[in-house]
PDB file of all heavy atoms in Angstrom:
ATOM      1  N   LEU A   1      53.394 293.045 196.541  1.00  0.00           N
ATOM      2  CA  LEU A   1      53.482 292.475 195.198  1.00  0.00           C
ATOM      3  C   LEU A   1      52.111 292.459 194.524  1.00  0.00           C
ATOM      4  O   LEU A   1      52.009 292.582 193.300  1.00  0.00           O
ATOM      5  CB  LEU A   1      54.073 291.067 195.269  1.00  0.00           C
ATOM      6  CG  LEU A   1      55.558 291.017 195.642  1.00  0.00           C
ATOM      7  CD1 LEU A   1      56.040 289.580 195.802  1.00  0.00           C
ATOM      8  CD2 LEU A   1      56.406 291.741 194.595  1.00  0.00           C
ATOM      9  N   GLY A   2      51.053 292.319 195.330  1.00  0.00           N
ATOM     10  CA  GLY A   2      49.709 292.435 194.772  1.00  0.00           C
ATOM     11  C   GLY A   2      49.446 293.837 194.257  1.00  0.00           C
ATOM     12  O   GLY A   2      48.840 294.025 193.197  1.00  0.00           O
ATOM     13  N   ARG A   3      49.913 294.836 194.998  1.00  0.00           N
ATOM     14  CA  ARG A   3      49.771 296.229 194.541  1.00  0.00           C
ATOM     15  C   ARG A   3      50.587 296.463 193.279  1.00  0.00           C
ATOM     16  O   ARG A   3      50.134 297.164 192.354  1.00  0.00           O
ATOM     17  CB  ARG A   3      50.214 297.191 195.658  1.00  0.00           C
ATOM     18  CG  ARG A   3      50.199 298.672 195.240  1.00  0.00           C
ATOM     19  CD  ARG A   3      48.809 299.122 194.820  1.00  0.00           C
ATOM     20  NE  ARG A   3      48.788 300.493 194.341  1.00  0.00           N
ATOM     21  CZ  ARG A   3      49.040 300.864 193.090  1.00  0.00           C
ATOM     22  NH1 ARG A   3      49.329 299.944 192.160  1.00  0.00           N
ATOM     23  NH2 ARG A   3      48.975 302.130 192.740  1.00  0.00           N
ATOM     24  N   LEU A   4      51.769 295.869 193.203  1.00  0.00           N
ATOM     25  CA  LEU A   4      52.591 296.013 192.010  1.00  0.00           C
ATOM     26  C   LEU A   4      51.905 295.343 190.815  1.00  0.00           C
ATOM     27  O   LEU A   4      51.965 295.866 189.690  1.00  0.00           O
ATOM     28  CB  LEU A   4      53.969 295.389 192.245  1.00  0.00           C
ATOM     29  CG  LEU A   4      55.022 295.599 191.160  1.00  0.00           C
ATOM     30  CD1 LEU A   4      55.266 297.085 190.924  1.00  0.00           C
ATOM     31  CD2 LEU A   4      56.332 294.910 191.537  1.00  0.00           C
ATOM     32  N   ALA A   5      51.225 294.234 191.048  1.00  0.00           N
ATOM     33  CA  ALA A   5      50.490 293.557 189.978  1.00  0.00           C
ATOM     34  C   ALA A   5      49.352 294.419 189.452  1.00  0.00           C
ATOM     35  O   ALA A   5      48.944 294.272 188.293  1.00  0.00           O
ATOM     36  CB  ALA A   5      49.942 292.223 190.477  1.00  0.00           C
ATOM     37  N   ASP A   6      48.835 295.322 190.280  1.00  0.00           N
ATOM     38  CA  ASP A   6      47.748 296.205 189.853  1.00  0.00           C
ATOM     39  C   ASP A   6      48.233 297.405 189.050  1.00  0.00           C
ATOM     40  O   ASP A   6      47.409 298.133 188.488  1.00  0.00           O
ATOM     41  CB  ASP A   6      46.974 296.716 191.076  1.00  0.00           C
ATOM     42  CG  ASP A   6      46.016 295.671 191.621  1.00  0.00           C
ATOM     43  OD1 ASP A   6      45.602 294.790 190.852  1.00  0.00           O
ATOM     44  OD2 ASP A   6      45.694 295.738 192.818  1.00  0.00           O
ATOM     45  N   GLY A   7      49.553 297.621 189.019  1.00  0.00           N
ATOM     46  CA  GLY A   7      50.036 298.809 188.323  1.00  0.00           C
ATOM     47  C   GLY A   7      51.111 298.574 187.296  1.00  0.00           C
ATOM     48  O   GLY A   7      51.362 299.434 186.448  1.00  0.00           O
ATOM     49  N   TRP A   8      51.783 297.420 187.361  1.00  0.00           N
ATOM     50  CA  TRP A   8      52.902 297.159 186.453  1.00  0.00           C
ATOM     51  C   TRP A   8      52.563 296.007 185.519  1.00  0.00           C
ATOM     52  O   TRP A   8      51.439 295.507 185.511  1.00  0.00           O
ATOM     53  CB  TRP A   8      54.161 296.854 187.272  1.00  0.00           C
ATOM     54  CG  TRP A   8      55.438 296.916 186.473  1.00  0.00           C
ATOM     55  CD1 TRP A   8      55.845 297.920 185.648  1.00  0.00           C
ATOM     56  CD2 TRP A   8      56.457 295.910 186.426  1.00  0.00           C
ATOM     57  NE1 TRP A   8      57.072 297.613 185.089  1.00  0.00           N
ATOM     58  CE2 TRP A   8      57.463 296.374 185.549  1.00  0.00           C
ATOM     59  CE3 TRP A   8      56.612 294.667 187.036  1.00  0.00           C
ATOM     60  CZ2 TRP A   8      58.623 295.641 185.279  1.00  0.00           C
ATOM     61  CZ3 TRP A   8      57.755 293.936 186.770  1.00  0.00           C
ATOM     62  CH2 TRP A   8      58.746 294.424 185.902  1.00  0.00           C
ATOM     63  N   LEU A   9      53.542 295.586 184.714  1.00  0.00           N
ATOM     64  CA  LEU A   9      53.345 294.489 183.772  1.00  0.00           C
ATOM     65  C   LEU A   9      53.318 293.165 184.529  1.00  0.00           C
ATOM     66  O   LEU A   9      54.318 292.742 185.111  1.00  0.00           O
ATOM     67  CB  LEU A   9      54.477 294.479 182.740  1.00  0.00           C
ATOM     68  CG  LEU A   9      54.617 295.736 181.880  1.00  0.00           C
ATOM     69  CD1 LEU A   9      55.867 295.645 181.007  1.00  0.00           C
ATOM     70  CD2 LEU A   9      53.387 295.924 181.010  1.00  0.00           C
ATOM     71  N   ARG A  10      52.179 292.506 184.516  1.00  0.00           N
ATOM     72  CA  ARG A  10      52.043 291.260 185.286  1.00  0.00           C
ATOM     73  C   ARG A  10      52.869 290.135 184.699  1.00  0.00           C
ATOM     74  O   ARG A  10      53.353 289.254 185.431  1.00  0.00           O
ATOM     75  CB  ARG A  10      50.565 290.875 185.354  1.00  0.00           C
ATOM     76  CG  ARG A  10      49.751 291.852 186.173  1.00  0.00           C
ATOM     77  CD  ARG A  10      48.294 291.837 185.785  1.00  0.00           C
ATOM     78  NE  ARG A  10      48.074 292.366 184.443  1.00  0.00           N
ATOM     79  CZ  ARG A  10      46.876 292.533 183.887  1.00  0.00           C
ATOM     80  NH1 ARG A  10      45.798 292.207 184.569  1.00  0.00           N
ATOM     81  NH2 ARG A  10      46.760 293.030 182.670  1.00  0.00           N
ATOM     82  N   THR A  11      53.052 290.133 183.374  1.00  0.00           N
ATOM     83  CA  THR A  11      53.882 289.105 182.745  1.00  0.00           C
ATOM     84  C   THR A  11      55.317 289.212 183.238  1.00  0.00           C
ATOM     85  O   THR A  11      55.962 288.204 183.552  1.00  0.00           O
ATOM     86  CB  THR A  11      53.840 289.255 181.224  1.00  0.00           C
ATOM     87  OG1 THR A  11      54.176 290.615 180.872  1.00  0.00           O
ATOM     88  CG2 THR A  11      52.450 288.937 180.683  1.00  0.00           C
ATOM     89  N   ARG A  12      55.836 290.434 183.313  1.00  0.00           N
ATOM     90  CA  ARG A  12      57.213 290.630 183.790  1.00  0.00           C
ATOM     91  C   ARG A  12      57.326 290.316 185.283  1.00  0.00           C
ATOM     92  O   ARG A  12      58.318 289.743 185.736  1.00  0.00           O
ATOM     93  CB  ARG A  12      57.648 292.079 183.525  1.00  0.00           C
ATOM     94  CG  ARG A  12      57.617 292.469 182.045  1.00  0.00           C
ATOM     95  CD  ARG A  12      58.719 291.764 181.262  1.00  0.00           C
ATOM     96  NE  ARG A  12      58.615 291.962 179.835  1.00  0.00           N
ATOM     97  CZ  ARG A  12      59.143 293.000 179.170  1.00  0.00           C
ATOM     98  NH1 ARG A  12      59.777 293.944 179.834  1.00  0.00           N
ATOM     99  NH2 ARG A  12      59.031 293.077 177.859  1.00  0.00           N
ATOM    100  N   LEU A  13      56.326 290.713 186.043  1.00  0.00           N
ATOM    101  CA  LEU A  13      56.346 290.451 187.484  1.00  0.00           C
ATOM    102  C   LEU A  13      56.370 288.949 187.758  1.00  0.00           C
ATOM    103  O   LEU A  13      57.150 288.469 188.597  1.00  0.00           O
ATOM    104  CB  LEU A  13      55.129 291.094 188.148  1.00  0.00           C
ATOM    105  CG  LEU A  13      54.972 290.860 189.655  1.00  0.00           C
ATOM    106  CD1 LEU A  13      56.184 291.387 190.427  1.00  0.00           C
ATOM    107  CD2 LEU A  13      53.689 291.524 190.163  1.00  0.00           C
ATOM    108  N   LEU A  14      55.529 288.196 187.049  1.00  0.00           N
ATOM    109  CA  LEU A  14      55.528 286.752 187.229  1.00  0.00           C
ATOM    110  C   LEU A  14      56.862 286.137 186.827  1.00  0.00           C
ATOM    111  O   LEU A  14      57.385 285.241 187.509  1.00  0.00           O
ATOM    112  CB  LEU A  14      54.399 286.122 186.407  1.00  0.00           C
ATOM    113  CG  LEU A  14      52.985 286.265 186.971  1.00  0.00           C
ATOM    114  CD1 LEU A  14      51.946 285.812 185.942  1.00  0.00           C
ATOM    115  CD2 LEU A  14      52.832 285.455 188.243  1.00  0.00           C
ATOM    116  N   ALA A  15      57.437 286.617 185.729  1.00  0.00           N
ATOM    117  CA  ALA A  15      58.722 286.089 185.273  1.00  0.00           C
ATOM    118  C   ALA A  15      59.818 286.327 186.312  1.00  0.00           C
ATOM    119  O   ALA A  15      60.619 285.431 186.618  1.00  0.00           O
ATOM    120  CB  ALA A  15      59.105 286.728 183.932  1.00  0.00           C
ATOM    121  N   ILE A  16      59.854 287.535 186.860  1.00  0.00           N
ATOM    122  CA  ILE A  16      60.876 287.856 187.863  1.00  0.00           C
ATOM    123  C   ILE A  16      60.669 287.037 189.126  1.00  0.00           C
ATOM    124  O   ILE A  16      61.623 286.478 189.694  1.00  0.00           O
ATOM    125  CB  ILE A  16      60.849 289.367 188.178  1.00  0.00           C
ATOM    126  CG1 ILE A  16      61.319 290.169 186.965  1.00  0.00           C
ATOM    127  CG2 ILE A  16      61.719 289.685 189.396  1.00  0.00           C
ATOM    128  CD1 ILE A  16      61.097 291.667 187.091  1.00  0.00           C
ATOM    129  N   CYS A  17      59.435 286.927 189.572  1.00  0.00           N
ATOM    130  CA  CYS A  17      59.161 286.237 190.833  1.00  0.00           C
ATOM    131  C   CYS A  17      59.396 284.739 190.734  1.00  0.00           C
ATOM    132  O   CYS A  17      59.934 284.132 191.666  1.00  0.00           O
ATOM    133  CB  CYS A  17      57.744 286.529 191.301  1.00  0.00           C
ATOM    134  SG  CYS A  17      57.558 288.193 191.979  1.00  0.00           S
ATOM    135  N   ILE A  18      59.033 284.128 189.589  1.00  0.00           N
ATOM    136  CA  ILE A  18      59.283 282.693 189.473  1.00  0.00           C
ATOM    137  C   ILE A  18      60.782 282.421 189.366  1.00  0.00           C
ATOM    138  O   ILE A  18      61.284 281.409 189.883  1.00  0.00           O
ATOM    139  CB  ILE A  18      58.517 282.068 188.284  1.00  0.00           C
ATOM    140  CG1 ILE A  18      58.533 280.538 188.405  1.00  0.00           C
ATOM    141  CG2 ILE A  18      59.092 282.491 186.957  1.00  0.00           C
ATOM    142  CD1 ILE A  18      57.672 279.828 187.394  1.00  0.00           C
ATOM    143  N   SER A  19      61.531 283.329 188.762  1.00  0.00           N
ATOM    144  CA  SER A  19      62.988 283.190 188.736  1.00  0.00           C
ATOM    145  C   SER A  19      63.553 283.277 190.150  1.00  0.00           C
ATOM    146  O   SER A  19      64.428 282.487 190.542  1.00  0.00           O
ATOM    147  CB  SER A  19      63.615 284.273 187.858  1.00  0.00           C
ATOM    148  OG  SER A  19      63.165 284.174 186.525  1.00  0.00           O
ATOM    149  N   PHE A  20      63.016 284.215 190.932  1.00  0.00           N
ATOM    150  CA  PHE A  20      63.508 284.421 192.296  1.00  0.00           C
ATOM    151  C   PHE A  20      63.232 283.203 193.172  1.00  0.00           C
ATOM    152  O   PHE A  20      64.108 282.720 193.889  1.00  0.00           O
ATOM    153  CB  PHE A  20      62.838 285.665 192.895  1.00  0.00           C
ATOM    154  CG  PHE A  20      63.358 286.055 194.249  1.00  0.00           C
ATOM    155  CD1 PHE A  20      64.532 286.783 194.370  1.00  0.00           C
ATOM    156  CD2 PHE A  20      62.678 285.690 195.397  1.00  0.00           C
ATOM    157  CE1 PHE A  20      65.023 287.144 195.613  1.00  0.00           C
ATOM    158  CE2 PHE A  20      63.146 286.051 196.646  1.00  0.00           C
ATOM    159  CZ  PHE A  20      64.325 286.781 196.761  1.00  0.00           C
ATOM    160  N   TRP A  21      61.998 282.665 193.106  1.00  0.00           N
ATOM    161  CA  TRP A  21      61.720 281.535 193.993  1.00  0.00           C
ATOM    162  C   TRP A  21      62.381 280.251 193.482  1.00  0.00           C
ATOM    163  O   TRP A  21      62.704 279.365 194.281  1.00  0.00           O
ATOM    164  CB  TRP A  21      60.237 281.370 194.248  1.00  0.00           C
ATOM    165  CG  TRP A  21      59.425 280.469 193.380  1.00  0.00           C
ATOM    166  CD1 TRP A  21      59.617 279.128 193.153  1.00  0.00           C
ATOM    167  CD2 TRP A  21      58.228 280.808 192.657  1.00  0.00           C
ATOM    168  NE1 TRP A  21      58.640 278.632 192.326  1.00  0.00           N
ATOM    169  CE2 TRP A  21      57.769 279.622 192.022  1.00  0.00           C
ATOM    170  CE3 TRP A  21      57.495 281.976 192.515  1.00  0.00           C
ATOM    171  CZ2 TRP A  21      56.627 279.602 191.227  1.00  0.00           C
ATOM    172  CZ3 TRP A  21      56.354 281.945 191.729  1.00  0.00           C
ATOM    173  CH2 TRP A  21      55.930 280.784 191.089  1.00  0.00           C
ATOM    174  N   SER A  22      62.629 280.143 192.171  1.00  0.00           N
ATOM    175  CA  SER A  22      63.334 278.968 191.656  1.00  0.00           C
ATOM    176  C   SER A  22      64.789 278.968 192.115  1.00  0.00           C
ATOM    177  O   SER A  22      65.324 277.922 192.521  1.00  0.00           O
ATOM    178  CB  SER A  22      63.257 278.925 190.130  1.00  0.00           C
ATOM    179  OG  SER A  22      61.919 278.776 189.696  1.00  0.00           O
ATOM    180  N   VAL A  23      65.421 280.124 192.058  1.00  0.00           N
ATOM    181  CA  VAL A  23      66.798 280.231 192.558  1.00  0.00           C
ATOM    182  C   VAL A  23      66.828 279.959 194.063  1.00  0.00           C
ATOM    183  O   VAL A  23      67.749 279.309 194.574  1.00  0.00           O
ATOM    184  CB  VAL A  23      67.378 281.624 192.234  1.00  0.00           C
ATOM    185  CG1 VAL A  23      68.712 281.840 192.946  1.00  0.00           C
ATOM    186  CG2 VAL A  23      67.553 281.786 190.730  1.00  0.00           C
ATOM    187  N   SER A  24      65.814 280.444 194.784  1.00  0.00           N
ATOM    188  CA  SER A  24      65.744 280.198 196.227  1.00  0.00           C
ATOM    189  C   SER A  24      65.569 278.712 196.525  1.00  0.00           C
ATOM    190  O   SER A  24      66.164 278.186 197.476  1.00  0.00           O
ATOM    191  CB  SER A  24      64.585 280.998 196.845  1.00  0.00           C
ATOM    192  OG  SER A  24      64.789 282.384 196.697  1.00  0.00           O
ATOM    193  N   THR A  25      64.760 278.027 195.722  1.00  0.00           N
ATOM    194  CA  THR A  25      64.607 276.580 195.887  1.00  0.00           C
ATOM    195  C   THR A  25      65.928 275.874 195.613  1.00  0.00           C
ATOM    196  O   THR A  25      66.322 274.946 196.345  1.00  0.00           O
ATOM    197  CB  THR A  25      63.517 276.044 194.932  1.00  0.00           C
ATOM    198  OG1 THR A  25      62.284 276.707 195.211  1.00  0.00           O
ATOM    199  CG2 THR A  25      63.342 274.546 195.093  1.00  0.00           C
TER     200      THR A  25
END
């Protein structure tokens, strides 16, 4: 995910990941 942050849209990556961990919580 760190490598993805270096190449993709970090705003979208953060949005997707916080959605994923919120649903997991």
